[in-house]
Amino acid sequence: MRSRWRALTVVGAVLVAGCSGPAANPAGTAADTSIVYAKTDGGTTFVRNYNVMGPATDKAPNAELVYEPLMRVDYGDGGVVKPWLAQSWAFSAQGKVLTIKLRTDVKWSDGQKFTADDAVYSLGLPIEKKDFSIAGVTYKSVTKVDDSSVKVSFAEPSYATLNQFANILLPMVPKHLWASQNLNTWTNPDPVGTGPFTVKEFKPQQITLGARSDYWGGKLPMTTFKIVPTAPEALKAQLLKGELDWASAGWANGEQEYVAKDPDKHLYQLYSNGGAMSVLFNTGKAPFDDVHVRRALALTVNRTAVVTTLQRPGTEAGPTGLSEQLFGDWLDPAYKGQVQKVDADAAKAELAKGGWTIDNGALVKDGKRYQPSILFNADWGWGSYADILINTWKQTLGLTVKSAGQPSAGYYDKQNLGQFDLAASSTGGASVYGVYRFLSSQYLTPIGKSATLDQGRWNDPETDKIIRAMERTDNVGELKSLGKQLQKIVVDEVPFSPIYNNFYFIDINSTRWTGWPTPQKFDAIPFPGMGPDTTLTLLNLQRRGN
C-alpha cells in the first residue's frame, strides 16, 4: 500500500505498463452478510433509472457498482491511470491513436461475454448522441480491432486525455441489450453490467444490491450492499447508534463528536482530491463576463471564515485551485503558500476600473442593474457557507447576493444549463490538466443547453491553446510549463475563485466490517461513488470476528 501524499505525476496515463486488477479478497465470511451505506445527497427517495448514459438527470445512485469503466485512476499512486476492464493500452501515431486491449475474463451479469463489440458501442454513444457525452469525451472515432481490442482515434495528439476512460461517466454497457432501446426514454430498470453487484430489490427508500458470485475481480465478502437515503444531521445519530456502516458526508466537529466516542470503530477520514470548492462564475452572461466584476468578488471571499466554520483550519485554497499538498512540484513559486485575504479596497478599485458602481445592493453599469444570486447544493448542507460569502459581499461592497440553494438534482441541472450567476462548485481532477480541462471551449454550450464540463461557459482562445498543447505532449517539463501558464490565467482572469481545498469525506462505523483504508495508507479511496475504488474497498473488507 502507498502513501496518499505522494506528489501526482504528470498525467500518469502514458506511464502505465502491465496488467492489474482487484486485490485478493479475504475468505471465511459469514453466509449472509450485508453492508449498509447511507446517501446524504440523493434526496429522500430514489428513482429506478439505470440508463447511465442517457440525458435524464434523475438516476439511481451508485450505478457504478453495476457498470464499470475501462480504466481507473489510482489516487494512492500519484494519480496514475491503471487497468480495469482494459488490460493494457498503447498510443501510436504521435498520440493520435490509442489501442486498448480488453480483459478476456469478464462477463456481463446475464452470463454473456464482454467483448470489443460492447466497448465500441459504449465508447461510440457519446459520439453519436451528443446529449450522452456527459464525460466530456475528446476522441473522434472508435473501431474494433479484434474480439478483445479496440482502436480509438483523436484529431490531435491526446496523451493527457487518457483519464477520460477512467471516468465512471463513461461506463461499458452491453450492446446486446442496449442497441435495441430508445435511450432517450428507456430507464433500464433491471441493469446488466460487468460490476460486482446486480439490483436485487429496489424501493424508493432502500436499494439492495446483490453480490455476484461470478464477478471477474473476485469474491466479495458481503452478500448485499444496501443503500438508504438520509439527511446530514440524521446521519450523525445513525452512525453513533451503529445503524449504518458507511457514509460520505462532512462532519464539522467529527473528531470530537464521533471519533472520540469510540476511536477504534468510529472513523472519520479526509482524502484530498487535489481540487477545491470554488465560486464558479457564469462568464456567458453579464455582469460575470467582465473580469473586473469577477476579481472584485474573488477579492471579497472570506475563505478563512468558511474553513473556520467547517472546523478545518488551514485548508483555505490558493488562488490557482491546485492543492499544494498534491501539486507542489507543479505550482508556480509565485503562488505557493498564497491565500487571498479579503481586500475591500482592491475590490472596489476593480469595480471602478470596469465602470461599475453598486447602488442599493445591485451592480450598475450603463444604466443596467444586476442583482446576482449564488447557487449551491442544499443537500451538502452548504447554506451556512453561502451565508458567509453573501454577508461578506454585503459588508465589504454593499452588494446584495441572493441565496439560491437547490437539492442535488436541481443544483446539477441549473449548473449544467447555465441557469445561475455564481455557483459553489467543486473543481478538481487527477492531474493539472485534469483540474483545468473543464475550461476548454470544446465543452462550451449555449446557456439553456446542458454542458458536460464547461458549466461556467468559459471561452478564451489562450486557455484553449494551452490545454490543446497539454494534450499533445507527454513531456513532463513541457506539461509543467504549460500548467504554470494556465495557473496565471486562472489567477488573473478568474474564471473561478477557489475557496477551500476539497476532500472526500468518509464516515465509517467499523463495528461490523474491518479492513478499511486510511488516508495515510491506502490503495483505493473508500468513497462510495468512485467506481473501481469502491469495489476495491469492498473486496478488501473483512467481517469483524472472522
Protein backbone atom coordinates (compact mmCIF):
# COMPACT_ATOMS: atom_id res chain seq x y z
CA MET A 1 0.00 0.00 0.00
CA ARG A 2 1.15 3.53 -0.68
CA SER A 3 1.02 6.90 0.98
CA ARG A 4 -1.72 9.20 -0.29
CA TRP A 5 0.54 12.20 -0.18
CA ARG A 6 2.95 11.27 -2.91
CA ALA A 7 3.02 14.06 -5.48
CA LEU A 8 0.90 13.47 -8.54
CA THR A 9 2.81 12.52 -11.63
CA VAL A 10 2.20 14.34 -14.90
CA VAL A 11 -0.95 12.80 -16.29
CA GLY A 12 0.09 9.34 -15.30
CA ALA A 13 -1.68 7.93 -18.25
CA VAL A 14 1.22 7.08 -20.50
CA LEU A 15 3.40 5.71 -17.74
CA VAL A 16 1.40 2.55 -17.19
CA ALA A 17 2.51 -0.88 -18.22
CA GLY A 18 1.34 -4.39 -17.48
CA CYS A 19 -1.95 -5.60 -16.10
CA SER A 20 -3.57 -5.20 -12.74
CA GLY A 21 -6.96 -5.78 -11.17
CA PRO A 22 -8.65 -6.01 -7.79
CA ALA A 23 -6.64 -7.35 -4.92
CA ALA A 24 -7.44 -10.73 -3.45
CA ASN A 25 -10.35 -10.63 -1.04
CA PRO A 26 -10.47 -12.25 2.39
CA ALA A 27 -12.01 -15.66 2.89
CA GLY A 28 -14.15 -17.14 5.60
CA THR A 29 -17.03 -14.64 5.62
CA ALA A 30 -20.44 -15.30 7.06
CA ALA A 31 -23.08 -16.95 4.90
CA ASP A 32 -25.41 -13.95 4.97
CA THR A 33 -23.77 -10.57 5.32
CA SER A 34 -24.62 -7.06 4.24
CA ILE A 35 -23.09 -3.61 4.32
CA VAL A 36 -25.26 -0.52 4.70
CA TYR A 37 -24.36 2.76 3.01
CA ALA A 38 -26.25 5.98 3.75
CA LYS A 39 -26.56 8.52 0.95
CA THR A 40 -26.98 12.14 2.05
CA ASP A 41 -27.03 13.91 -1.32
CA GLY A 42 -29.66 11.98 -3.26
CA GLY A 43 -32.91 13.34 -1.82
CA THR A 44 -35.35 11.36 0.26
CA THR A 45 -36.43 8.88 -2.41
CA PHE A 46 -34.61 7.03 -5.16
CA VAL A 47 -35.55 6.83 -8.84
CA ARG A 48 -35.18 3.50 -10.63
CA ASN A 49 -33.35 4.76 -13.69
CA TYR A 50 -30.17 2.88 -14.56
CA ASN A 51 -29.78 4.38 -18.01
CA VAL A 52 -26.33 5.61 -17.06
CA MET A 53 -25.62 7.14 -20.47
CA GLY A 54 -28.97 8.82 -21.15
CA PRO A 55 -29.77 12.53 -20.82
CA ALA A 56 -32.13 12.24 -17.82
CA THR A 57 -30.80 13.91 -14.66
CA ASP A 58 -32.72 11.82 -12.09
CA LYS A 59 -31.00 8.45 -11.88
CA ALA A 60 -30.49 5.63 -9.42
CA PRO A 61 -27.49 6.07 -7.10
CA ASN A 62 -24.31 4.02 -7.10
CA ALA A 63 -24.81 2.59 -10.57
CA GLU A 64 -21.02 2.38 -10.75
CA LEU A 65 -21.29 -0.84 -8.70
CA VAL A 66 -23.15 -2.32 -11.68
CA TYR A 67 -21.41 -0.60 -14.60
CA GLU A 68 -17.64 -0.16 -14.84
CA PRO A 69 -15.15 1.93 -16.85
CA LEU A 70 -12.22 0.64 -18.83
CA MET A 71 -9.61 2.11 -16.50
CA ARG A 72 -9.19 3.57 -13.03
CA VAL A 73 -7.23 6.46 -11.55
CA ASP A 74 -5.00 5.27 -8.70
CA TYR A 75 -5.00 8.22 -6.31
CA GLY A 76 -2.83 6.23 -3.94
CA ASP A 77 -0.07 6.03 -6.55
CA GLY A 78 0.24 9.57 -7.81
CA GLY A 79 -2.94 9.72 -9.88
CA VAL A 80 -1.67 7.20 -12.42
CA VAL A 81 -4.24 5.68 -14.78
CA LYS A 82 -4.29 1.91 -14.37
CA PRO A 83 -6.15 -1.06 -15.91
CA TRP A 84 -9.65 -2.15 -15.02
CA LEU A 85 -11.80 -3.66 -17.77
CA ALA A 86 -8.93 -2.70 -20.06
CA GLN A 87 -5.91 -4.95 -19.66
CA SER A 88 -3.39 -2.66 -21.33
CA TRP A 89 -3.10 0.09 -23.96
CA ALA A 90 -0.63 1.96 -26.12
CA PHE A 91 -0.53 5.24 -28.05
CA SER A 92 0.79 5.45 -31.59
CA ALA A 93 0.80 7.99 -34.43
CA GLN A 94 2.27 10.64 -32.11
CA GLY A 95 -0.56 10.31 -29.63
CA LYS A 96 -3.43 10.32 -32.12
CA VAL A 97 -4.32 6.62 -31.95
CA LEU A 98 -4.92 4.61 -28.79
CA THR A 99 -5.20 0.83 -28.97
CA ILE A 100 -6.89 -0.71 -25.94
CA LYS A 101 -6.58 -4.41 -25.10
CA LEU A 102 -9.56 -5.67 -23.09
CA ARG A 103 -9.64 -8.28 -20.37
CA THR A 104 -10.89 -11.61 -21.71
CA ASP A 105 -12.29 -12.98 -18.44
CA VAL A 106 -15.15 -10.50 -17.97
CA LYS A 107 -18.82 -11.45 -18.24
CA TRP A 108 -21.99 -9.42 -18.07
CA SER A 109 -24.25 -10.32 -15.17
CA ASP A 110 -26.55 -12.16 -17.61
CA GLY A 111 -23.68 -14.53 -18.43
CA GLN A 112 -22.71 -13.16 -21.84
CA LYS A 113 -19.09 -12.34 -22.54
CA PHE A 114 -17.83 -8.74 -22.54
CA THR A 115 -16.15 -8.12 -25.91
CA ALA A 116 -14.80 -5.41 -28.17
CA ASP A 117 -18.28 -5.03 -29.69
CA ASP A 118 -19.53 -3.79 -26.32
CA ALA A 119 -16.59 -1.40 -25.93
CA VAL A 120 -17.05 0.03 -29.43
CA TYR A 121 -20.77 0.52 -28.79
CA SER A 122 -20.25 2.12 -25.36
CA LEU A 123 -17.47 4.45 -26.48
CA GLY A 124 -19.43 5.32 -29.61
CA LEU A 125 -22.56 6.51 -27.81
CA PRO A 126 -21.15 9.91 -26.73
CA ILE A 127 -20.01 10.50 -30.33
CA GLU A 128 -23.30 9.52 -31.96
CA LYS A 129 -25.52 11.14 -29.33
CA LYS A 130 -24.11 14.46 -28.16
CA ASP A 131 -26.53 14.66 -25.23
CA PHE A 132 -24.95 11.45 -23.92
CA SER A 133 -21.45 12.94 -23.75
CA ILE A 134 -21.63 13.55 -20.02
CA ALA A 135 -18.00 12.52 -19.57
CA GLY A 136 -16.77 15.18 -21.99
CA VAL A 137 -15.07 12.80 -24.44
CA THR A 138 -12.41 14.15 -26.81
CA TYR A 139 -11.89 11.22 -29.20
CA LYS A 140 -13.40 11.27 -32.69
CA SER A 141 -13.95 7.60 -33.53
CA VAL A 142 -13.63 4.08 -32.20
CA THR A 143 -13.31 0.86 -34.18
CA LYS A 144 -12.94 -2.84 -33.45
CA VAL A 145 -9.50 -4.42 -33.99
CA ASP A 146 -10.46 -7.94 -32.89
CA ASP A 147 -12.70 -9.53 -30.26
CA SER A 148 -10.59 -8.17 -27.42
CA SER A 149 -9.10 -4.95 -28.84
CA VAL A 150 -10.40 -1.55 -29.94
CA LYS A 151 -8.76 1.43 -31.60
CA VAL A 152 -9.64 4.97 -30.51
CA SER A 153 -8.70 7.86 -32.79
CA PHE A 154 -8.20 11.52 -31.93
CA ALA A 155 -7.93 14.57 -34.17
CA GLU A 156 -4.86 15.76 -32.26
CA PRO A 157 -2.23 14.16 -30.03
CA SER A 158 -4.10 13.32 -26.83
CA TYR A 159 -1.79 11.74 -24.30
CA ALA A 160 -3.22 13.80 -21.46
CA THR A 161 -6.81 12.77 -22.10
CA LEU A 162 -6.44 9.11 -21.16
CA ASN A 163 -8.15 9.66 -17.82
CA GLN A 164 -11.50 10.09 -19.61
CA PHE A 165 -11.53 6.30 -19.99
CA ALA A 166 -11.31 6.02 -16.19
CA ASN A 167 -14.40 8.18 -15.75
CA ILE A 168 -17.43 6.43 -14.24
CA LEU A 169 -19.49 8.66 -16.56
CA LEU A 170 -18.08 6.64 -19.47
CA PRO A 171 -19.04 3.09 -18.45
CA MET A 172 -19.18 -0.04 -20.55
CA VAL A 173 -22.75 -1.14 -21.32
CA PRO A 174 -23.97 -4.34 -23.05
CA LYS A 175 -24.64 -3.80 -26.74
CA HIS A 176 -26.85 -6.88 -26.96
CA LEU A 177 -29.36 -5.22 -24.60
CA TRP A 178 -28.89 -1.50 -25.23
CA ALA A 179 -28.75 -1.32 -29.02
CA SER A 180 -32.47 -2.09 -29.42
CA GLN A 181 -33.66 0.51 -26.91
CA ASN A 182 -34.74 4.14 -27.25
CA LEU A 183 -32.04 5.50 -24.98
CA ASN A 184 -33.73 8.89 -24.66
CA THR A 185 -36.67 7.39 -22.77
CA TRP A 186 -35.56 3.95 -21.51
CA THR A 187 -34.98 3.76 -17.76
CA ASN A 188 -33.18 0.40 -17.78
CA PRO A 189 -34.89 -0.80 -14.56
CA ASP A 190 -33.05 -4.15 -14.41
CA PRO A 191 -29.48 -3.29 -15.36
CA VAL A 192 -26.97 -5.83 -16.63
CA GLY A 193 -23.37 -4.81 -16.05
CA THR A 194 -19.85 -6.11 -15.58
CA GLY A 195 -19.67 -4.79 -12.00
CA PRO A 196 -19.70 -6.70 -8.72
CA PHE A 197 -23.42 -6.26 -8.00
CA THR A 198 -26.86 -6.61 -9.53
CA VAL A 199 -30.09 -4.94 -8.42
CA LYS A 200 -31.74 -7.39 -6.04
CA GLU A 201 -34.54 -5.17 -4.71
CA PHE A 202 -35.47 -1.56 -5.41
CA LYS A 203 -37.60 0.50 -3.07
CA PRO A 204 -37.82 4.31 -3.02
CA GLN A 205 -36.23 4.35 0.46
CA GLN A 206 -33.80 1.44 0.07
CA ILE A 207 -31.91 -0.22 -2.72
CA THR A 208 -30.48 -3.68 -2.14
CA LEU A 209 -27.70 -4.78 -4.47
CA GLY A 210 -26.79 -8.45 -4.56
CA ALA A 211 -23.15 -9.53 -4.84
CA ARG A 212 -22.31 -11.54 -7.94
CA SER A 213 -20.77 -14.97 -7.44
CA ASP A 214 -19.07 -14.78 -10.84
CA TYR A 215 -17.52 -11.32 -10.63
CA TRP A 216 -14.29 -11.19 -12.61
CA GLY A 217 -12.48 -9.31 -9.84
CA GLY A 218 -13.01 -11.95 -7.17
CA LYS A 219 -15.47 -13.00 -4.48
CA LEU A 220 -16.93 -10.23 -2.36
CA PRO A 221 -17.07 -10.76 1.42
CA MET A 222 -20.64 -9.45 1.66
CA THR A 223 -23.82 -10.80 0.09
CA THR A 224 -25.64 -7.48 -0.24
CA PHE A 225 -24.92 -3.77 -0.42
CA LYS A 226 -27.79 -1.68 0.91
CA ILE A 227 -28.26 2.00 0.02
CA VAL A 228 -30.56 4.16 2.17
CA PRO A 229 -31.31 7.89 1.93
CA THR A 230 -30.75 10.14 4.92
CA ALA A 231 -30.10 13.76 5.87
CA PRO A 232 -26.73 15.02 7.15
CA GLU A 233 -27.94 15.61 10.71
CA ALA A 234 -29.84 12.31 10.90
CA LEU A 235 -26.74 10.56 9.60
CA LYS A 236 -24.76 11.51 12.69
CA ALA A 237 -27.22 9.83 15.05
CA GLN A 238 -27.44 6.76 12.81
CA LEU A 239 -23.67 6.33 12.75
CA LEU A 240 -23.38 6.77 16.51
CA LYS A 241 -26.07 4.11 17.04
CA GLY A 242 -24.33 1.72 14.65
CA GLU A 243 -27.30 1.60 12.28
CA LEU A 244 -25.02 2.30 9.31
CA ASP A 245 -21.63 1.05 8.18
CA TRP A 246 -20.58 3.71 5.71
CA ALA A 247 -21.37 7.22 4.52
CA SER A 248 -19.74 10.12 2.72
CA ALA A 249 -20.51 13.45 4.38
CA GLY A 250 -18.60 16.27 6.00
CA TRP A 251 -18.85 16.46 9.78
CA ALA A 252 -17.65 19.82 11.06
CA ASN A 253 -16.80 18.55 14.53
CA GLY A 254 -16.43 14.88 13.64
CA GLU A 255 -13.26 14.22 15.59
CA GLN A 256 -14.85 15.23 18.91
CA GLU A 257 -18.48 14.30 18.29
CA TYR A 258 -17.84 10.95 16.63
CA VAL A 259 -14.29 9.60 16.62
CA ALA A 260 -13.59 10.40 20.28
CA LYS A 261 -16.59 8.34 21.42
CA ASP A 262 -15.06 5.11 20.09
CA PRO A 263 -11.70 5.70 18.37
CA ASP A 264 -11.29 2.04 17.36
CA LYS A 265 -14.59 1.81 15.49
CA HIS A 266 -15.64 5.36 14.68
CA LEU A 267 -13.64 6.52 11.67
CA TYR A 268 -13.87 9.95 10.09
CA GLN A 269 -11.45 10.26 7.18
CA LEU A 270 -10.48 13.03 4.77
CA TYR A 271 -8.81 12.27 1.44
CA SER A 272 -7.63 15.25 -0.59
CA ASN A 273 -8.80 15.09 -4.19
CA GLY A 274 -6.40 17.73 -5.47
CA GLY A 275 -9.07 20.32 -6.22
CA ALA A 276 -11.10 22.93 -4.42
CA MET A 277 -14.59 24.12 -3.64
CA SER A 278 -14.82 27.28 -5.68
CA VAL A 279 -17.04 30.14 -6.67
CA LEU A 280 -17.77 29.41 -10.34
CA PHE A 281 -18.67 32.46 -12.40
CA ASN A 282 -21.14 32.21 -15.28
CA THR A 283 -18.95 34.03 -17.78
CA GLY A 284 -21.50 33.51 -20.53
CA LYS A 285 -23.69 36.32 -19.19
CA ALA A 286 -23.37 39.84 -17.80
CA PRO A 287 -22.00 41.02 -15.46
CA PHE A 288 -19.74 37.99 -15.00
CA ASP A 289 -18.33 38.29 -18.49
CA ASP A 290 -16.39 41.26 -17.05
CA VAL A 291 -13.11 40.34 -15.38
CA HIS A 292 -13.33 43.35 -13.03
CA VAL A 293 -16.54 42.02 -11.50
CA ARG A 294 -15.03 38.55 -11.13
CA ARG A 295 -11.90 39.94 -9.50
CA ALA A 296 -13.88 42.13 -7.12
CA LEU A 297 -15.99 39.23 -5.88
CA ALA A 298 -12.94 36.95 -5.59
CA LEU A 299 -11.16 39.61 -3.54
CA THR A 300 -14.03 39.63 -1.04
CA VAL A 301 -14.46 35.91 -0.39
CA ASN A 302 -13.78 35.29 3.29
CA ARG A 303 -12.04 31.93 2.92
CA THR A 304 -10.78 31.83 6.50
CA ALA A 305 -14.28 32.34 7.90
CA VAL A 306 -15.56 29.47 5.75
CA VAL A 307 -12.88 26.97 6.83
CA THR A 308 -13.27 28.08 10.44
CA THR A 309 -16.97 27.27 10.25
CA LEU A 310 -16.03 23.97 8.62
CA GLN A 311 -13.68 23.42 11.58
CA ARG A 312 -10.87 22.68 9.16
CA PRO A 313 -8.39 25.49 9.86
CA GLY A 314 -5.55 25.88 7.39
CA THR A 315 -7.39 24.38 4.42
CA GLU A 316 -8.01 27.66 2.60
CA ALA A 317 -7.38 27.20 -1.11
CA GLY A 318 -4.68 29.02 -3.01
CA PRO A 319 -5.61 31.19 -5.99
CA THR A 320 -4.78 28.51 -8.59
CA GLY A 321 -7.28 25.91 -7.37
CA LEU A 322 -4.47 23.34 -7.16
CA SER A 323 -3.82 21.59 -3.87
CA GLU A 324 -0.27 22.40 -2.82
CA GLN A 325 -0.23 19.14 -0.91
CA LEU A 326 -0.56 17.21 -4.14
CA PHE A 327 0.63 19.56 -6.86
CA GLY A 328 3.52 21.26 -5.05
CA ASP A 329 6.00 20.35 -7.80
CA TRP A 330 3.71 21.84 -10.42
CA LEU A 331 2.83 25.13 -8.75
CA ASP A 332 4.35 28.40 -9.89
CA PRO A 333 6.52 29.54 -6.92
CA ALA A 334 4.69 32.89 -7.02
CA TYR A 335 1.50 31.15 -5.85
CA LYS A 336 2.93 28.75 -3.28
CA GLY A 337 1.60 29.36 0.19
CA GLN A 338 -0.64 32.16 -1.05
CA VAL A 339 -4.20 32.59 0.19
CA GLN A 340 -6.19 35.62 -0.92
CA LYS A 341 -7.32 37.67 2.06
CA VAL A 342 -10.39 39.89 2.00
CA ASP A 343 -9.34 43.18 0.41
CA ALA A 344 -12.29 45.54 0.10
CA ASP A 345 -10.22 48.46 -1.21
CA ALA A 346 -8.72 46.40 -4.03
CA ALA A 347 -12.15 45.02 -4.88
CA LYS A 348 -13.71 48.48 -5.07
CA ALA A 349 -10.82 49.62 -7.26
CA GLU A 350 -11.51 46.72 -9.66
CA LEU A 351 -15.16 47.69 -9.93
CA ALA A 352 -14.18 51.29 -10.63
CA LYS A 353 -11.78 50.17 -13.39
CA GLY A 354 -14.64 48.38 -15.07
CA GLY A 355 -17.00 51.34 -14.74
CA TRP A 356 -19.18 49.63 -12.15
CA THR A 357 -20.95 51.09 -9.17
CA ILE A 358 -23.13 49.50 -6.51
CA ASP A 359 -26.48 51.11 -5.90
CA ASN A 360 -28.99 49.84 -3.37
CA GLY A 361 -27.31 46.42 -3.32
CA ALA A 362 -27.11 45.99 -7.10
CA LEU A 363 -24.25 46.14 -9.61
CA VAL A 364 -24.86 49.02 -12.00
CA LYS A 365 -23.28 49.97 -15.34
CA ASP A 366 -24.57 51.89 -18.34
CA GLY A 367 -27.99 52.15 -16.74
CA LYS A 368 -28.35 48.39 -16.29
CA ARG A 369 -28.78 46.82 -12.86
CA TYR A 370 -27.74 43.31 -11.89
CA GLN A 371 -28.85 41.52 -8.74
CA PRO A 372 -26.80 38.31 -8.59
CA SER A 373 -27.54 35.08 -6.77
CA ILE A 374 -25.35 32.17 -5.69
CA LEU A 375 -26.37 28.60 -6.50
CA PHE A 376 -25.35 25.86 -4.08
CA ASN A 377 -26.26 22.28 -3.27
CA ALA A 378 -28.59 22.34 -0.28
CA ASP A 379 -28.14 18.58 0.20
CA TRP A 380 -24.48 19.27 1.03
CA GLY A 381 -25.55 21.49 3.92
CA TRP A 382 -23.79 24.37 2.18
CA GLY A 383 -26.26 27.08 3.20
CA SER A 384 -24.22 28.37 6.15
CA TYR A 385 -21.12 28.75 3.97
CA ALA A 386 -23.10 30.55 1.28
CA ASP A 387 -24.30 32.91 4.01
CA ILE A 388 -20.68 33.74 4.89
CA LEU A 389 -19.98 34.72 1.28
CA ILE A 390 -23.24 36.65 1.00
CA ASN A 391 -22.61 38.55 4.24
CA THR A 392 -19.02 39.40 3.32
CA TRP A 393 -20.02 40.76 -0.09
CA LYS A 394 -22.68 42.87 1.63
CA GLN A 395 -20.32 44.17 4.31
CA THR A 396 -17.35 44.93 2.06
CA LEU A 397 -19.00 46.08 -1.17
CA GLY A 398 -22.59 46.80 -0.25
CA LEU A 399 -23.60 44.14 -2.80
CA THR A 400 -26.69 42.04 -2.09
CA VAL A 401 -26.31 38.48 -3.38
CA LYS A 402 -29.33 36.25 -3.11
CA SER A 403 -29.21 32.71 -1.77
CA ALA A 404 -30.25 30.09 -4.35
CA GLY A 405 -29.87 26.70 -2.69
CA GLN A 406 -31.20 23.67 -4.56
CA PRO A 407 -31.41 19.93 -3.83
CA SER A 408 -28.87 17.85 -5.74
CA ALA A 409 -30.94 17.20 -8.86
CA GLY A 410 -31.94 20.85 -9.27
CA TYR A 411 -28.44 22.06 -8.45
CA TYR A 412 -26.75 19.98 -11.15
CA ASP A 413 -29.49 20.73 -13.66
CA LYS A 414 -29.23 24.50 -13.22
CA GLN A 415 -25.45 24.42 -13.23
CA ASN A 416 -25.28 22.33 -16.41
CA LEU A 417 -27.82 24.52 -18.17
CA GLY A 418 -26.01 27.69 -17.14
CA GLN A 419 -29.02 28.93 -15.21
CA PHE A 420 -27.02 30.62 -12.46
CA ASP A 421 -24.92 33.71 -11.75
CA LEU A 422 -22.46 32.33 -9.20
CA ALA A 423 -22.25 28.70 -8.12
CA ALA A 424 -20.47 26.95 -5.28
CA SER A 425 -18.89 24.23 -7.39
CA SER A 426 -16.22 21.59 -6.97
CA THR A 427 -13.20 21.95 -9.25
CA GLY A 428 -10.51 19.28 -9.43
CA GLY A 429 -9.00 16.36 -11.28
CA ALA A 430 -6.36 13.65 -11.33
CA SER A 431 -3.67 15.93 -12.79
CA VAL A 432 -3.07 19.61 -13.51
CA TYR A 433 -4.63 19.02 -16.91
CA GLY A 434 -7.47 17.17 -15.19
CA VAL A 435 -8.18 20.14 -12.91
CA TYR A 436 -8.24 22.70 -15.71
CA ARG A 437 -9.61 20.85 -18.72
CA PHE A 438 -13.18 21.93 -17.93
CA LEU A 439 -12.14 25.43 -19.05
CA SER A 440 -11.70 24.26 -22.64
CA SER A 441 -14.22 25.73 -25.08
CA GLN A 442 -14.58 22.31 -26.71
CA TYR A 443 -17.12 21.73 -23.93
CA LEU A 444 -18.85 25.10 -24.48
CA THR A 445 -22.62 25.05 -24.99
CA PRO A 446 -25.10 27.95 -25.11
CA ILE A 447 -26.92 28.84 -21.93
CA GLY A 448 -30.03 26.68 -21.81
CA LYS A 449 -28.31 23.64 -23.32
CA SER A 450 -26.74 21.20 -20.89
CA ALA A 451 -22.95 21.39 -20.61
CA THR A 452 -20.76 18.38 -19.89
CA LEU A 453 -17.89 20.22 -18.23
CA ASP A 454 -17.72 23.94 -19.03
CA GLN A 455 -20.65 24.98 -16.88
CA GLY A 456 -19.13 28.42 -16.39
CA ARG A 457 -19.19 28.98 -20.19
CA TRP A 458 -15.51 30.00 -20.24
CA ASN A 459 -14.43 30.81 -23.79
CA ASP A 460 -10.84 32.01 -24.07
CA PRO A 461 -8.54 31.30 -27.06
CA GLU A 462 -5.39 31.42 -24.94
CA THR A 463 -6.79 28.89 -22.48
CA ASP A 464 -7.75 26.63 -25.38
CA LYS A 465 -4.28 26.92 -26.90
CA ILE A 466 -2.58 25.85 -23.67
CA ILE A 467 -4.97 22.97 -22.98
CA ARG A 468 -4.52 21.68 -26.52
CA ALA A 469 -0.76 21.85 -26.09
CA MET A 470 -1.01 19.82 -22.85
CA GLU A 471 -2.98 17.16 -24.69
CA ARG A 472 -0.30 16.86 -27.37
CA THR A 473 2.70 16.09 -25.20
CA ASP A 474 3.86 13.53 -22.68
CA ASN A 475 6.98 15.54 -21.79
CA VAL A 476 6.88 16.35 -18.08
CA GLY A 477 8.87 19.57 -18.43
CA GLU A 478 6.56 20.90 -21.12
CA LEU A 479 3.50 19.94 -19.12
CA LYS A 480 4.77 21.75 -16.04
CA SER A 481 5.48 24.89 -18.06
CA LEU A 482 2.05 24.79 -19.68
CA GLY A 483 0.44 24.15 -16.31
CA LYS A 484 2.01 27.31 -14.92
CA GLN A 485 0.61 29.29 -17.85
CA LEU A 486 -2.86 28.03 -17.01
CA GLN A 487 -2.33 28.92 -13.37
CA LYS A 488 -1.64 32.53 -14.37
CA ILE A 489 -4.85 32.68 -16.41
CA VAL A 490 -6.88 31.33 -13.50
CA VAL A 491 -5.31 33.80 -11.06
CA ASP A 492 -5.50 36.84 -13.34
CA GLU A 493 -8.73 36.22 -15.27
CA VAL A 494 -10.64 34.40 -12.50
CA PRO A 495 -12.97 32.04 -14.39
CA PHE A 496 -13.46 30.56 -10.92
CA SER A 497 -12.27 31.55 -7.46
CA PRO A 498 -11.12 28.75 -5.09
CA ILE A 499 -12.43 28.87 -1.52
CA TYR A 500 -11.07 25.81 0.29
CA ASN A 501 -9.22 22.64 -0.61
CA ASN A 502 -11.57 19.80 -1.37
CA PHE A 503 -11.62 16.44 0.31
CA TYR A 504 -13.52 13.21 0.06
CA PHE A 505 -15.25 12.88 3.46
CA ILE A 506 -15.65 9.33 4.71
CA ASP A 507 -17.73 8.30 7.73
CA ILE A 508 -17.35 4.70 8.89
CA ASN A 509 -18.68 2.66 11.76
CA SER A 510 -16.43 -0.40 11.71
CA THR A 511 -18.39 -2.38 14.29
CA ARG A 512 -19.32 -4.96 11.64
CA TRP A 513 -16.61 -4.55 9.00
CA THR A 514 -12.85 -4.09 9.30
CA GLY A 515 -10.04 -3.62 6.80
CA TRP A 516 -10.84 -0.03 5.87
CA PRO A 517 -8.10 2.06 4.25
CA THR A 518 -6.71 5.14 6.00
CA PRO A 519 -5.58 8.47 4.49
CA GLN A 520 -2.02 7.58 5.48
CA LYS A 521 -2.01 4.19 3.80
CA PHE A 522 -4.34 3.11 1.05
CA ASP A 523 -4.63 1.58 -2.38
CA ALA A 524 -8.15 2.87 -3.03
CA ILE A 525 -10.14 5.78 -1.62
CA PRO A 526 -13.14 4.36 0.31
CA PHE A 527 -15.57 6.80 -1.27
CA PRO A 528 -18.86 5.29 -2.48
CA GLY A 529 -19.32 6.69 -5.94
CA MET A 530 -15.77 6.22 -7.23
CA GLY A 531 -16.42 3.01 -9.11
CA PRO A 532 -13.31 0.81 -9.07
CA ASP A 533 -12.11 2.41 -5.81
CA THR A 534 -15.40 1.48 -4.16
CA THR A 535 -15.10 -2.06 -5.48
CA LEU A 536 -11.51 -2.43 -4.27
CA THR A 537 -12.53 -1.16 -0.84
CA LEU A 538 -15.34 -3.71 -0.60
CA LEU A 539 -13.17 -6.60 -1.79
CA ASN A 540 -10.67 -5.95 0.98
CA LEU A 541 -13.11 -5.69 3.88
CA GLN A 542 -13.47 -8.41 6.48
CA ARG A 543 -16.46 -9.27 8.59
CA ARG A 544 -15.45 -8.50 12.18
CA GLY A 545 -14.90 -11.68 14.14
CA ASN A 546 -13.97 -13.80 11.10
